[in-house]
Structures are given as structure tokens and as C-alpha cells.
């Protein structure tokens, strides 16, 4: 997998590909209403994504996260499990 291939796979919605220390590929994805930290990008699919309200929060998480546990920052929901970030929910 290459950074260029990940951008291509996203059809224009993926940016800033990065290989995490875990070996997984991650990138930023533009969703309809949110920005996503997309994890486990492969030729066939993605593993999961963490939705953020603001692009800068998703980008900051991608730049600093080691791929272990949950990413930092105010992510809202992890998909496909639909798990809500309890810290984000408390703040709202």
C-alpha cells in the first residue's frame, strides 16, 4: 500500500495517509457532516473510523496517535460499532 493508492481509493475524500506504528494505514476522510480518522485502509475495505466534528481535531489525532486504544481528541462516534465517546458526551 502507498500513500498515493490510499488517496486514490478514497476517490478524492481521503487525505493525509499515514502508516501507524501498529502497521495499519490510516487517513483523514471527509464525510457528509463530519471528518473521520479512517483506520485499517486496505484495497478491499477499511476497518473502522472515528468521527470528529472538526477537521483540525481529526488531523491532530492522526498526527499524534500510536494506533493503540482509542485516538486522542474529541471524537464523537466509532463506526461500525456506533460506540459513542463518553468524554465527548459528557462535554455536551
PDB file of N, CA and C in Angstrom:
ATOM      1  N   UNK A   1       0.854  -1.172   0.000  1.00  0.00           N
ATOM      2  CA  UNK A   1       0.000   0.000   0.000  1.00  0.00           C
ATOM      3  C   UNK A   1       0.902   1.238   0.000  1.00  0.00           C
ATOM      4  N   UNK A   2       0.484   2.251  -0.714  1.00  0.00           N
ATOM      5  CA  UNK A   2       1.226   3.507  -0.744  1.00  0.00           C
ATOM      6  C   UNK A   2       0.287   4.654  -0.376  1.00  0.00           C
ATOM      7  N   UNK A   3       0.872   5.785  -0.026  1.00  0.00           N
ATOM      8  CA  UNK A   3       0.063   6.962   0.275  1.00  0.00           C
ATOM      9  C   UNK A   3      -0.786   7.355  -0.931  1.00  0.00           C
ATOM     10  N   UNK A   4      -0.206   7.294  -2.105  1.00  0.00           N
ATOM     11  CA  UNK A   4      -0.922   7.660  -3.322  1.00  0.00           C
ATOM     12  C   UNK A   4      -2.110   6.736  -3.565  1.00  0.00           C
ATOM     13  N   UNK A   5      -1.916   5.434  -3.302  1.00  0.00           N
ATOM     14  CA  UNK A   5      -3.001   4.466  -3.513  1.00  0.00           C
ATOM     15  C   UNK A   5      -4.143   4.720  -2.540  1.00  0.00           C
ATOM     16  N   UNK A   6      -3.842   5.083  -1.316  1.00  0.00           N
ATOM     17  CA  UNK A   6      -4.902   5.361  -0.348  1.00  0.00           C
ATOM     18  C   UNK A   6      -5.733   6.555  -0.792  1.00  0.00           C
ATOM     19  N   UNK A   7      -5.080   7.610  -1.242  1.00  0.00           N
ATOM     20  CA  UNK A   7      -5.809   8.781  -1.741  1.00  0.00           C
ATOM     21  C   UNK A   7      -6.693   8.376  -2.908  1.00  0.00           C
ATOM     22  N   UNK A   8      -6.156   7.556  -3.791  1.00  0.00           N
ATOM     23  CA  UNK A   8      -6.914   7.066  -4.944  1.00  0.00           C
ATOM     24  C   UNK A   8      -8.117   6.231  -4.503  1.00  0.00           C
ATOM     25  N   UNK A   9      -7.923   5.353  -3.529  1.00  0.00           N
ATOM     26  CA  UNK A   9      -9.017   4.507  -3.039  1.00  0.00           C
ATOM     27  C   UNK A   9     -10.155   5.328  -2.456  1.00  0.00           C
ATOM     28  N   UNK A  10      -9.816   6.480  -1.878  1.00  0.00           N
ATOM     29  CA  UNK A  10     -10.838   7.343  -1.286  1.00  0.00           C
ATOM     30  C   UNK A  10     -11.624   8.148  -2.289  1.00  0.00           C
ATOM     31  N   UNK A  11     -11.243   8.077  -3.541  1.00  0.00           N
ATOM     32  CA  UNK A  11     -11.996   8.794  -4.566  1.00  0.00           C
ATOM     33  C   UNK A  11     -12.062  10.299  -4.339  1.00  0.00           C
ATOM     34  N   UNK A  12     -11.005  10.845  -3.756  1.00  0.00           N
ATOM     35  CA  UNK A  12     -10.971  12.276  -3.521  1.00  0.00           C
ATOM     36  C   UNK A  12     -11.401  12.696  -2.130  1.00  0.00           C
ATOM     37  N   UNK A  13     -11.858  11.740  -1.313  1.00  0.00           N
ATOM     38  CA  UNK A  13     -12.284  12.093   0.046  1.00  0.00           C
ATOM     39  C   UNK A  13     -11.246  11.742   1.104  1.00  0.00           C
ATOM     40  N   UNK A  14     -10.199  11.014   0.745  1.00  0.00           N
ATOM     41  CA  UNK A  14      -9.146  10.648   1.700  1.00  0.00           C
ATOM     42  C   UNK A  14      -7.938  11.560   1.524  1.00  0.00           C
ATOM     43  N   UNK A  15      -7.339  11.932   2.645  1.00  0.00           N
ATOM     44  CA  UNK A  15      -6.123  12.740   2.600  1.00  0.00           C
ATOM     45  C   UNK A  15      -5.215  12.376   3.765  1.00  0.00           C
ATOM     46  N   UNK A  16      -4.010  12.839   3.699  1.00  0.00           N
ATOM     47  CA  UNK A  16      -3.001  12.714   4.758  1.00  0.00           C
ATOM     48  C   UNK A  16      -2.770  11.257   5.197  1.00  0.00           C
ATOM     49  N   UNK A  17      -2.571  10.324   4.284  1.00  0.00           N
ATOM     50  CA  UNK A  17      -2.330   8.927   4.681  1.00  0.00           C
ATOM     51  C   UNK A  17      -1.083   8.817   5.563  1.00  0.00           C
ATOM     52  N   UNK A  18      -1.172   7.915   6.523  1.00  0.00           N
ATOM     53  CA  UNK A  18      -0.042   7.688   7.436  1.00  0.00           C
ATOM     54  C   UNK A  18      -0.074   6.228   7.884  1.00  0.00           C
ATOM     55  N   UNK A  19       1.085   5.600   7.909  1.00  0.00           N
ATOM     56  CA  UNK A  19       1.157   4.253   8.455  1.00  0.00           C
ATOM     57  C   UNK A  19       1.429   4.379   9.952  1.00  0.00           C
ATOM     58  N   UNK A  20       0.527   3.818  10.740  1.00  0.00           N
ATOM     59  CA  UNK A  20       0.645   3.874  12.197  1.00  0.00           C
ATOM     60  C   UNK A  20       1.738   2.926  12.680  1.00  0.00           C
ATOM     61  N   UNK A  21       2.250   3.124  13.890  1.00  0.00           N
ATOM     62  CA  UNK A  21       3.247   2.203  14.443  1.00  0.00           C
ATOM     63  C   UNK A  21       2.757   0.752  14.512  1.00  0.00           C
ATOM     64  N   UNK A  22       1.442   0.548  14.517  1.00  0.00           N
ATOM     65  CA  UNK A  22       0.878  -0.802  14.532  1.00  0.00           C
ATOM     66  C   UNK A  22       0.965  -1.486  13.170  1.00  0.00           C
ATOM     67  N   UNK A  23       1.331  -0.717  12.133  1.00  0.00           N
ATOM     68  CA  UNK A  23       1.397  -1.251  10.776  1.00  0.00           C
ATOM     69  C   UNK A  23       0.166  -0.939   9.954  1.00  0.00           C
ATOM     70  N   UNK A  24      -0.919  -0.538  10.585  1.00  0.00           N
ATOM     71  CA  UNK A  24      -2.147  -0.197   9.872  1.00  0.00           C
ATOM     72  C   UNK A  24      -1.979   1.145   9.161  1.00  0.00           C
ATOM     73  N   UNK A  25      -2.690   1.282   8.049  1.00  0.00           N
ATOM     74  CA  UNK A  25      -2.745   2.558   7.363  1.00  0.00           C
ATOM     75  C   UNK A  25      -3.958   3.326   7.857  1.00  0.00           C
ATOM     76  N   UNK A  26      -3.774   4.615   8.039  1.00  0.00           N
ATOM     77  CA  UNK A  26      -4.854   5.496   8.471  1.00  0.00           C
ATOM     78  C   UNK A  26      -4.826   6.759   7.619  1.00  0.00           C
ATOM     79  N   UNK A  27      -5.949   7.461   7.577  1.00  0.00           N
ATOM     80  CA  UNK A  27      -6.016   8.707   6.828  1.00  0.00           C
ATOM     81  C   UNK A  27      -7.195   9.527   7.346  1.00  0.00           C
ATOM     82  N   UNK A  28      -7.330  10.709   6.814  1.00  0.00           N
ATOM     83  CA  UNK A  28      -8.474  11.563   7.101  1.00  0.00           C
ATOM     84  C   UNK A  28      -9.480  11.354   5.981  1.00  0.00           C
ATOM     85  N   UNK A  29     -10.742  11.200   6.359  1.00  0.00           N
ATOM     86  CA  UNK A  29     -11.802  11.055   5.373  1.00  0.00           C
ATOM     87  C   UNK A  29     -12.860  12.127   5.574  1.00  0.00           C
ATOM     88  N   UNK A  30     -13.287  12.724   4.485  1.00  0.00           N
ATOM     89  CA  UNK A  30     -14.353  13.727   4.550  1.00  0.00           C
ATOM     90  C   UNK A  30     -15.683  13.012   4.443  1.00  0.00           C
ATOM     91  N   UNK A  31     -16.491  13.127   5.477  1.00  0.00           N
ATOM     92  CA  UNK A  31     -17.823  12.542   5.484  1.00  0.00           C
ATOM     93  C   UNK A  31     -18.834  13.650   5.182  1.00  0.00           C
ATOM     94  N   UNK A  32     -20.101  13.324   5.158  1.00  0.00           N
ATOM     95  CA  UNK A  32     -21.129  14.307   4.834  1.00  0.00           C
ATOM     96  C   UNK A  32     -21.181  15.435   5.868  1.00  0.00           C
ATOM     97  N   UNK A  33     -21.187  15.077   7.163  1.00  0.00           N
ATOM     98  CA  UNK A  33     -21.307  16.083   8.213  1.00  0.00           C
ATOM     99  C   UNK A  33     -20.128  16.123   9.173  1.00  0.00           C
ATOM    100  N   UNK A  34     -19.190  15.201   9.035  1.00  0.00           N
ATOM    101  CA  UNK A  34     -18.064  15.113   9.965  1.00  0.00           C
ATOM    102  C   UNK A  34     -16.778  14.831   9.207  1.00  0.00           C
ATOM    103  N   UNK A  35     -15.689  14.802   9.970  1.00  0.00           N
ATOM    104  CA  UNK A  35     -14.386  14.387   9.474  1.00  0.00           C
ATOM    105  C   UNK A  35     -14.047  13.085  10.169  1.00  0.00           C
ATOM    106  N   UNK A  36     -13.469  12.146   9.461  1.00  0.00           N
ATOM    107  CA  UNK A  36     -13.197  10.837  10.039  1.00  0.00           C
ATOM    108  C   UNK A  36     -11.709  10.525  10.047  1.00  0.00           C
ATOM    109  N   UNK A  37     -11.297   9.881  11.102  1.00  0.00           N
ATOM    110  CA  UNK A  37      -9.994   9.245  11.175  1.00  0.00           C
ATOM    111  C   UNK A  37     -10.263   7.805  10.743  1.00  0.00           C
ATOM    112  N   UNK A  38      -9.878   7.474   9.526  1.00  0.00           N
ATOM    113  CA  UNK A  38     -10.173   6.167   8.924  1.00  0.00           C
ATOM    114  C   UNK A  38      -8.991   5.243   9.205  1.00  0.00           C
ATOM    115  N   UNK A  39      -9.283   4.072   9.775  1.00  0.00           N
ATOM    116  CA  UNK A  39      -8.257   3.142  10.226  1.00  0.00           C
ATOM    117  C   UNK A  39      -8.336   1.835   9.441  1.00  0.00           C
ATOM    118  N   UNK A  40      -7.181   1.252   9.175  1.00  0.00           N
ATOM    119  CA  UNK A  40      -7.133  -0.066   8.546  1.00  0.00           C
ATOM    120  C   UNK A  40      -7.507  -0.039   7.080  1.00  0.00           C
ATOM    121  N   UNK A  41      -7.003   0.940   6.355  1.00  0.00           N
ATOM    122  CA  UNK A  41      -7.303   1.065   4.929  1.00  0.00           C
ATOM    123  C   UNK A  41      -6.577  -0.040   4.164  1.00  0.00           C
ATOM    124  N   UNK A  42      -7.348  -0.799   3.386  1.00  0.00           N
ATOM    125  CA  UNK A  42      -6.782  -1.827   2.504  1.00  0.00           C
ATOM    126  C   UNK A  42      -7.394  -1.657   1.117  1.00  0.00           C
ATOM    127  N   UNK A  43      -6.957  -2.462   0.196  1.00  0.00           N
ATOM    128  CA  UNK A  43      -7.525  -2.426  -1.156  1.00  0.00           C
ATOM    129  C   UNK A  43      -9.018  -2.742  -1.149  1.00  0.00           C
ATOM    130  N   UNK A  44      -9.459  -3.573  -0.200  1.00  0.00           N
ATOM    131  CA  UNK A  44     -10.839  -4.033  -0.193  1.00  0.00           C
ATOM    132  C   UNK A  44     -11.763  -3.255   0.727  1.00  0.00           C
ATOM    133  N   UNK A  45     -11.240  -2.689   1.811  1.00  0.00           N
ATOM    134  CA  UNK A  45     -12.148  -2.087   2.792  1.00  0.00           C
ATOM    135  C   UNK A  45     -11.374  -1.222   3.785  1.00  0.00           C
ATOM    136  N   UNK A  46     -12.086  -0.814   4.807  1.00  0.00           N
ATOM    137  CA  UNK A  46     -11.480  -0.155   5.959  1.00  0.00           C
ATOM    138  C   UNK A  46     -11.951  -0.892   7.206  1.00  0.00           C
ATOM    139  N   UNK A  47     -11.189  -0.794   8.266  1.00  0.00           N
ATOM    140  CA  UNK A  47     -11.523  -1.497   9.498  1.00  0.00           C
ATOM    141  C   UNK A  47     -12.557  -0.728  10.315  1.00  0.00           C
ATOM    142  N   UNK A  48     -12.270   0.545  10.553  1.00  0.00           N
ATOM    143  CA  UNK A  48     -13.175   1.363  11.363  1.00  0.00           C
ATOM    144  C   UNK A  48     -12.855   2.828  11.138  1.00  0.00           C
ATOM    145  N   UNK A  49     -13.691   3.673  11.712  1.00  0.00           N
ATOM    146  CA  UNK A  49     -13.413   5.105  11.641  1.00  0.00           C
ATOM    147  C   UNK A  49     -13.936   5.794  12.888  1.00  0.00           C
ATOM    148  N   UNK A  50     -13.250   6.866  13.228  1.00  0.00           N
ATOM    149  CA  UNK A  50     -13.631   7.700  14.355  1.00  0.00           C
ATOM    150  C   UNK A  50     -14.080   9.040  13.782  1.00  0.00           C
ATOM    151  N   UNK A  51     -15.290   9.449  14.104  1.00  0.00           N
ATOM    152  CA  UNK A  51     -15.855  10.677  13.556  1.00  0.00           C
ATOM    153  C   UNK A  51     -15.574  11.855  14.476  1.00  0.00           C
ATOM    154  N   UNK A  52     -15.110  12.934  13.880  1.00  0.00           N
ATOM    155  CA  UNK A  52     -14.818  14.182  14.582  1.00  0.00           C
ATOM    156  C   UNK A  52     -15.652  15.297  13.976  1.00  0.00           C
ATOM    157  N   UNK A  53     -16.043  16.235  14.802  1.00  0.00           N
ATOM    158  CA  UNK A  53     -16.811  17.377  14.322  1.00  0.00           C
ATOM    159  C   UNK A  53     -15.943  18.326  13.485  1.00  0.00           C
ATOM    160  N   UNK A  54     -14.704  18.486  13.899  1.00  0.00           N
ATOM    161  CA  UNK A  54     -13.817  19.447  13.245  1.00  0.00           C
ATOM    162  C   UNK A  54     -12.629  18.754  12.573  1.00  0.00           C
ATOM    163  N   UNK A  55     -12.300  19.206  11.394  1.00  0.00           N
ATOM    164  CA  UNK A  55     -11.189  18.642  10.635  1.00  0.00           C
ATOM    165  C   UNK A  55      -9.880  18.724  11.417  1.00  0.00           C
ATOM    166  N   UNK A  56      -9.613  19.845  12.044  1.00  0.00           N
ATOM    167  CA  UNK A  56      -8.338  20.006  12.748  1.00  0.00           C
ATOM    168  C   UNK A  56      -8.179  19.002  13.882  1.00  0.00           C
ATOM    169  N   UNK A  57      -9.274  18.597  14.530  1.00  0.00           N
ATOM    170  CA  UNK A  57      -9.186  17.589  15.590  1.00  0.00           C
ATOM    171  C   UNK A  57      -8.837  16.219  15.023  1.00  0.00           C
ATOM    172  N   UNK A  58      -9.438  15.876  13.888  1.00  0.00           N
ATOM    173  CA  UNK A  58      -9.127  14.592  13.246  1.00  0.00           C
ATOM    174  C   UNK A  58      -7.672  14.569  12.774  1.00  0.00           C
ATOM    175  N   UNK A  59      -7.213  15.651  12.194  1.00  0.00           N
ATOM    176  CA  UNK A  59      -5.831  15.726  11.708  1.00  0.00           C
ATOM    177  C   UNK A  59      -4.832  15.652  12.860  1.00  0.00           C
ATOM    178  N   UNK A  60      -5.134  16.326  13.951  1.00  0.00           N
ATOM    179  CA  UNK A  60      -4.252  16.286  15.118  1.00  0.00           C
ATOM    180  C   UNK A  60      -4.168  14.870  15.680  1.00  0.00           C
ATOM    181  N   UNK A  61      -5.304  14.194  15.743  1.00  0.00           N
ATOM    182  CA  UNK A  61      -5.315  12.812  16.239  1.00  0.00           C
ATOM    183  C   UNK A  61      -4.475  11.909  15.346  1.00  0.00           C
ATOM    184  N   UNK A  62      -4.615  12.057  14.039  1.00  0.00           N
ATOM    185  CA  UNK A  62      -3.842  11.228  13.112  1.00  0.00           C
ATOM    186  C   UNK A  62      -2.347  11.462  13.280  1.00  0.00           C
ATOM    187  N   UNK A  63      -1.948  12.705  13.471  1.00  0.00           N
ATOM    188  CA  UNK A  63      -0.536  13.042  13.588  1.00  0.00           C
ATOM    189  C   UNK A  63       0.106  12.502  14.857  1.00  0.00           C
ATOM    190  N   UNK A  64      -0.669  12.359  15.932  1.00  0.00           N
ATOM    191  CA  UNK A  64      -0.084  12.007  17.227  1.00  0.00           C
ATOM    192  C   UNK A  64      -0.414  10.600  17.715  1.00  0.00           C
ATOM    193  N   UNK A  65      -1.402   9.958  17.158  1.00  0.00           N
ATOM    194  CA  UNK A  65      -1.883   8.669  17.675  1.00  0.00           C
ATOM    195  C   UNK A  65      -0.947   7.529  17.297  1.00  0.00           C
ATOM    196  N   UNK A  66      -0.755   6.603  18.244  1.00  0.00           N
ATOM    197  CA  UNK A  66       0.105   5.439  18.005  1.00  0.00           C
ATOM    198  C   UNK A  66      -0.661   4.215  17.509  1.00  0.00           C
ATOM    199  N   UNK A  67      -1.979   4.311  17.385  1.00  0.00           N
ATOM    200  CA  UNK A  67      -2.791   3.196  16.903  1.00  0.00           C
ATOM    201  C   UNK A  67      -3.263   2.252  17.987  1.00  0.00           C
ATOM    202  N   UNK A  68      -2.884   2.529  19.234  1.00  0.00           N
ATOM    203  CA  UNK A  68      -3.276   1.689  20.365  1.00  0.00           C
ATOM    204  C   UNK A  68      -4.451   2.345  21.084  1.00  0.00           C
ATOM    205  N   UNK A  69      -5.407   1.532  21.508  1.00  0.00           N
ATOM    206  CA  UNK A  69      -6.621   2.015  22.177  1.00  0.00           C
ATOM    207  C   UNK A  69      -7.339   3.017  21.264  1.00  0.00           C
ATOM    208  N   UNK A  70      -8.027   3.983  21.844  1.00  0.00           N
ATOM    209  CA  UNK A  70      -8.747   4.980  21.057  1.00  0.00           C
ATOM    210  C   UNK A  70      -7.839   6.167  20.760  1.00  0.00           C
ATOM    211  N   UNK A  71      -8.098   6.851  19.661  1.00  0.00           N
ATOM    212  CA  UNK A  71      -7.288   8.028  19.335  1.00  0.00           C
ATOM    213  C   UNK A  71      -7.588   9.180  20.290  1.00  0.00           C
ATOM    214  N   UNK A  72      -6.689  10.152  20.354  1.00  0.00           N
ATOM    215  CA  UNK A  72      -6.923  11.301  21.217  1.00  0.00           C
ATOM    216  C   UNK A  72      -7.945  12.263  20.613  1.00  0.00           C
ATOM    217  N   UNK A  73      -8.367  13.186  21.426  1.00  0.00           N
ATOM    218  CA  UNK A  73      -9.233  14.251  20.948  1.00  0.00           C
ATOM    219  C   UNK A  73     -10.701  13.948  21.082  1.00  0.00           C
ATOM    220  N   UNK A  74     -11.508  14.924  20.686  1.00  0.00           N
ATOM    221  CA  UNK A  74     -12.962  14.839  20.889  1.00  0.00           C
ATOM    222  C   UNK A  74     -13.700  14.090  19.770  1.00  0.00           C
ATOM    223  N   UNK A  75     -13.314  12.833  19.562  1.00  0.00           N
ATOM    224  CA  UNK A  75     -14.073  12.066  18.573  1.00  0.00           C
ATOM    225  C   UNK A  75     -15.473  11.824  19.120  1.00  0.00           C
ATOM    226  N   UNK A  76     -16.419  11.715  18.214  1.00  0.00           N
ATOM    227  CA  UNK A  76     -17.824  11.593  18.600  1.00  0.00           C
ATOM    228  C   UNK A  76     -18.258  10.132  18.656  1.00  0.00           C
ATOM    229  N   UNK A  77     -18.016   9.438  17.557  1.00  0.00           N
ATOM    230  CA  UNK A  77     -18.509   8.060  17.431  1.00  0.00           C
ATOM    231  C   UNK A  77     -17.499   7.224  16.676  1.00  0.00           C
ATOM    232  N   UNK A  78     -17.380   5.953  17.081  1.00  0.00           N
ATOM    233  CA  UNK A  78     -16.548   4.986  16.367  1.00  0.00           C
ATOM    234  C   UNK A  78     -17.479   4.091  15.579  1.00  0.00           C
ATOM    235  N   UNK A  79     -17.186   3.938  14.312  1.00  0.00           N
ATOM    236  CA  UNK A  79     -18.015   3.101  13.449  1.00  0.00           C
ATOM    237  C   UNK A  79     -17.171   1.949  12.930  1.00  0.00           C
ATOM    238  N   UNK A  80     -17.698   0.780  12.742  1.00  0.00           N
ATOM    239  CA  UNK A  80     -19.107   0.463  12.612  1.00  0.00           C
ATOM    240  C   UNK A  80     -19.809   0.096  13.917  1.00  0.00           C
ATOM    241  N   UNK A  81     -19.130   0.111  15.056  1.00  0.00           N
ATOM    242  CA  UNK A  81     -19.785  -0.308  16.299  1.00  0.00           C
ATOM    243  C   UNK A  81     -20.787   0.717  16.820  1.00  0.00           C
ATOM    244  N   UNK A  82     -20.713   1.954  16.336  1.00  0.00           N
ATOM    245  CA  UNK A  82     -21.564   3.051  16.808  1.00  0.00           C
ATOM    246  C   UNK A  82     -21.330   3.398  18.270  1.00  0.00           C
ATOM    247  N   UNK A  83     -20.123   3.122  18.744  1.00  0.00           N
ATOM    248  CA  UNK A  83     -19.758   3.438  20.123  1.00  0.00           C
ATOM    249  C   UNK A  83     -19.540   4.939  20.250  1.00  0.00           C
ATOM    250  N   UNK A  84     -20.191   5.547  21.226  1.00  0.00           N
ATOM    251  CA  UNK A  84     -20.071   6.978  21.485  1.00  0.00           C
ATOM    252  C   UNK A  84     -18.902   7.223  22.446  1.00  0.00           C
ATOM    253  N   UNK A  85     -18.157   8.284  22.211  1.00  0.00           N
ATOM    254  CA  UNK A  85     -17.068   8.690  23.111  1.00  0.00           C
ATOM    255  C   UNK A  85     -17.698   9.287  24.368  1.00  0.00           C
ATOM    256  N   UNK A  86     -17.551   8.610  25.485  1.00  0.00           N
ATOM    257  CA  UNK A  86     -18.180   9.062  26.728  1.00  0.00           C
ATOM    258  C   UNK A  86     -17.667  10.431  27.164  1.00  0.00           C
ATOM    259  N   UNK A  87     -16.390  10.728  26.902  1.00  0.00           N
ATOM    260  CA  UNK A  87     -15.835  12.036  27.254  1.00  0.00           C
ATOM    261  C   UNK A  87     -16.487  13.145  26.425  1.00  0.00           C
ATOM    262  N   UNK A  88     -16.718  12.879  25.155  1.00  0.00           N
ATOM    263  CA  UNK A  88     -17.382  13.854  24.286  1.00  0.00           C
ATOM    264  C   UNK A  88     -18.829  14.044  24.740  1.00  0.00           C
ATOM    265  N   UNK A  89     -19.513  12.947  25.084  1.00  0.00           N
ATOM    266  CA  UNK A  89     -20.908  13.027  25.528  1.00  0.00           C
ATOM    267  C   UNK A  89     -21.045  13.832  26.813  1.00  0.00           C
ATOM    268  N   UNK A  90     -20.117  13.659  27.742  1.00  0.00           N
ATOM    269  CA  UNK A  90     -20.152  14.425  28.995  1.00  0.00           C
ATOM    270  C   UNK A  90     -19.982  15.914  28.748  1.00  0.00           C
ATOM    271  N   UNK A  91     -19.145  16.236  27.772  1.00  0.00           N
ATOM    272  CA  UNK A  91     -18.878  17.647  27.479  1.00  0.00           C
ATOM    273  C   UNK A  91     -20.073  18.338  26.814  1.00  0.00           C
ATOM    274  N   UNK A  92     -20.916  17.561  26.163  1.00  0.00           N
ATOM    275  CA  UNK A  92     -22.095  18.116  25.503  1.00  0.00           C
ATOM    276  C   UNK A  92     -23.201  18.234  26.490  1.00  0.00           C
TER     277      UNK A  92
END
